[in-house]
Amino acid sequence: MNLSDACINCNLMIRCLKGADCQRIREFGLSEGTVVRKISESHNNIICAACSVKVVVSKNLCEQIIVDD
């Protein structure tokens, strides 16, 4: 399941970052094994919390973040 498809308020572990655009996510400190919480979702963006920081990520990029619940 990708982060875009995950339920809101779920704690999820990043299993895989796939795609060239994921380098930017790694620069934020989000990598395989990081636990994230999907807080909310709007038309084009998703707000997540990880490592005590909230991050806004586009839905297109969230589709490249594979998570486990």
C-alpha atoms as a PDB file:
ATOM      1  CA  MET A   1       0.000   0.000   0.000  1.00  0.00           C
ATOM      2  CA  ASN A   2       1.288   3.491  -0.692  1.00  0.00           C
ATOM      3  CA  LEU A   3       1.018   6.477   1.637  1.00  0.00           C
ATOM      4  CA  SER A   4      -1.602   8.088  -0.585  1.00  0.00           C
ATOM      5  CA  ASP A   5      -3.947   5.099  -0.068  1.00  0.00           C
ATOM      6  CA  ALA A   6      -3.374   4.764   3.697  1.00  0.00           C
ATOM      7  CA  CYS A   7      -6.021   5.708   6.260  1.00  0.00           C
ATOM      8  CA  ILE A   8      -5.815   8.971   8.193  1.00  0.00           C
ATOM      9  CA  ASN A   9      -4.483   8.721  11.793  1.00  0.00           C
ATOM     10  CA  CYS A  10      -2.695   5.437  11.111  1.00  0.00           C
ATOM     11  CA  ASN A  11       0.866   4.815  12.219  1.00  0.00           C
ATOM     12  CA  LEU A  12       2.748   3.367   9.271  1.00  0.00           C
ATOM     13  CA  MET A  13       6.299   2.248   8.606  1.00  0.00           C
ATOM     14  CA  ILE A  14       8.003   3.248   5.382  1.00  0.00           C
ATOM     15  CA  ARG A  15       8.948   0.008   3.655  1.00  0.00           C
ATOM     16  CA  CYS A  16      10.264   1.362   0.358  1.00  0.00           C
ATOM     17  CA  LEU A  17      10.823   4.671  -1.417  1.00  0.00           C
ATOM     18  CA  LYS A  18      10.550   4.086  -5.137  1.00  0.00           C
ATOM     19  CA  GLY A  19      11.144   6.639  -7.845  1.00  0.00           C
ATOM     20  CA  ALA A  20      13.662   9.360  -8.578  1.00  0.00           C
ATOM     21  CA  ASP A  21      11.585  11.982  -6.746  1.00  0.00           C
ATOM     22  CA  CYS A  22      12.059  10.165  -3.437  1.00  0.00           C
ATOM     23  CA  GLN A  23      15.550  11.602  -3.019  1.00  0.00           C
ATOM     24  CA  ARG A  24      13.879  14.764  -1.724  1.00  0.00           C
ATOM     25  CA  ILE A  25      12.010  12.706   0.898  1.00  0.00           C
ATOM     26  CA  ARG A  26      15.298  11.159   2.033  1.00  0.00           C
ATOM     27  CA  GLU A  27      16.762  14.655   2.389  1.00  0.00           C
ATOM     28  CA  PHE A  28      13.993  15.398   4.914  1.00  0.00           C
ATOM     29  CA  GLY A  29      15.159  12.393   6.939  1.00  0.00           C
ATOM     30  CA  LEU A  30      12.350  10.046   5.954  1.00  0.00           C
ATOM     31  CA  SER A  31      13.721   6.701   4.872  1.00  0.00           C
ATOM     32  CA  GLU A  32      12.960   3.007   4.996  1.00  0.00           C
ATOM     33  CA  GLY A  33      12.063   1.998   8.561  1.00  0.00           C
ATOM     34  CA  THR A  34      10.780   5.439   9.593  1.00  0.00           C
ATOM     35  CA  VAL A  35       7.386   5.474  11.304  1.00  0.00           C
ATOM     36  CA  VAL A  36       5.006   8.096   9.899  1.00  0.00           C
ATOM     37  CA  ARG A  37       1.464   9.115  10.828  1.00  0.00           C
ATOM     38  CA  LYS A  38      -0.885  10.332   8.116  1.00  0.00           C
ATOM     39  CA  ILE A  39      -2.620  13.315   9.723  1.00  0.00           C
ATOM     40  CA  SER A  40      -4.815  14.746   6.987  1.00  0.00           C
ATOM     41  CA  GLU A  41      -5.426  14.805   3.274  1.00  0.00           C
ATOM     42  CA  SER A  42      -6.549  17.533   0.900  1.00  0.00           C
ATOM     43  CA  HIS A  43      -7.097  17.612  -2.831  1.00  0.00           C
ATOM     44  CA  ASN A  44      -3.395  17.543  -3.786  1.00  0.00           C
ATOM     45  CA  ASN A  45      -1.448  17.180  -0.522  1.00  0.00           C
ATOM     46  CA  ILE A  46      -1.065  14.921   2.483  1.00  0.00           C
ATOM     47  CA  ILE A  47       0.153  16.045   5.902  1.00  0.00           C
ATOM     48  CA  CYS A  48       2.266  13.503   7.780  1.00  0.00           C
ATOM     49  CA  ALA A  49       4.102  13.501  11.087  1.00  0.00           C
ATOM     50  CA  ALA A  50       7.439  11.753  11.445  1.00  0.00           C
ATOM     51  CA  CYS A  51      10.389  12.255  13.775  1.00  0.00           C
ATOM     52  CA  SER A  52       8.411  14.947  15.697  1.00  0.00           C
ATOM     53  CA  VAL A  53       8.002  17.021  12.512  1.00  0.00           C
ATOM     54  CA  LYS A  54       4.957  17.605  10.318  1.00  0.00           C
ATOM     55  CA  VAL A  55       5.587  17.430   6.585  1.00  0.00           C
ATOM     56  CA  VAL A  56       3.316  18.306   3.652  1.00  0.00           C
ATOM     57  CA  VAL A  57       3.843  15.926   0.734  1.00  0.00           C
ATOM     58  CA  SER A  58       2.133  15.957  -2.656  1.00  0.00           C
ATOM     59  CA  LYS A  59      -0.189  13.049  -3.418  1.00  0.00           C
ATOM     60  CA  ASN A  60       1.900  12.207  -6.470  1.00  0.00           C
ATOM     61  CA  LEU A  61       4.985  11.789  -4.307  1.00  0.00           C
ATOM     62  CA  CYS A  62       3.013   9.836  -1.674  1.00  0.00           C
ATOM     63  CA  GLU A  63       2.192   7.284  -4.340  1.00  0.00           C
ATOM     64  CA  GLN A  64       5.935   6.502  -4.474  1.00  0.00           C
ATOM     65  CA  ILE A  65       6.165   5.898  -0.703  1.00  0.00           C
ATOM     66  CA  ILE A  66       5.316   2.263   0.075  1.00  0.00           C
ATOM     67  CA  VAL A  67       4.226   1.676   3.699  1.00  0.00           C
ATOM     68  CA  ASP A  68       3.223  -1.157   6.030  1.00  0.00           C
ATOM     69  CA  ASP A  69       0.683  -0.758   8.814  1.00  0.00           C
END
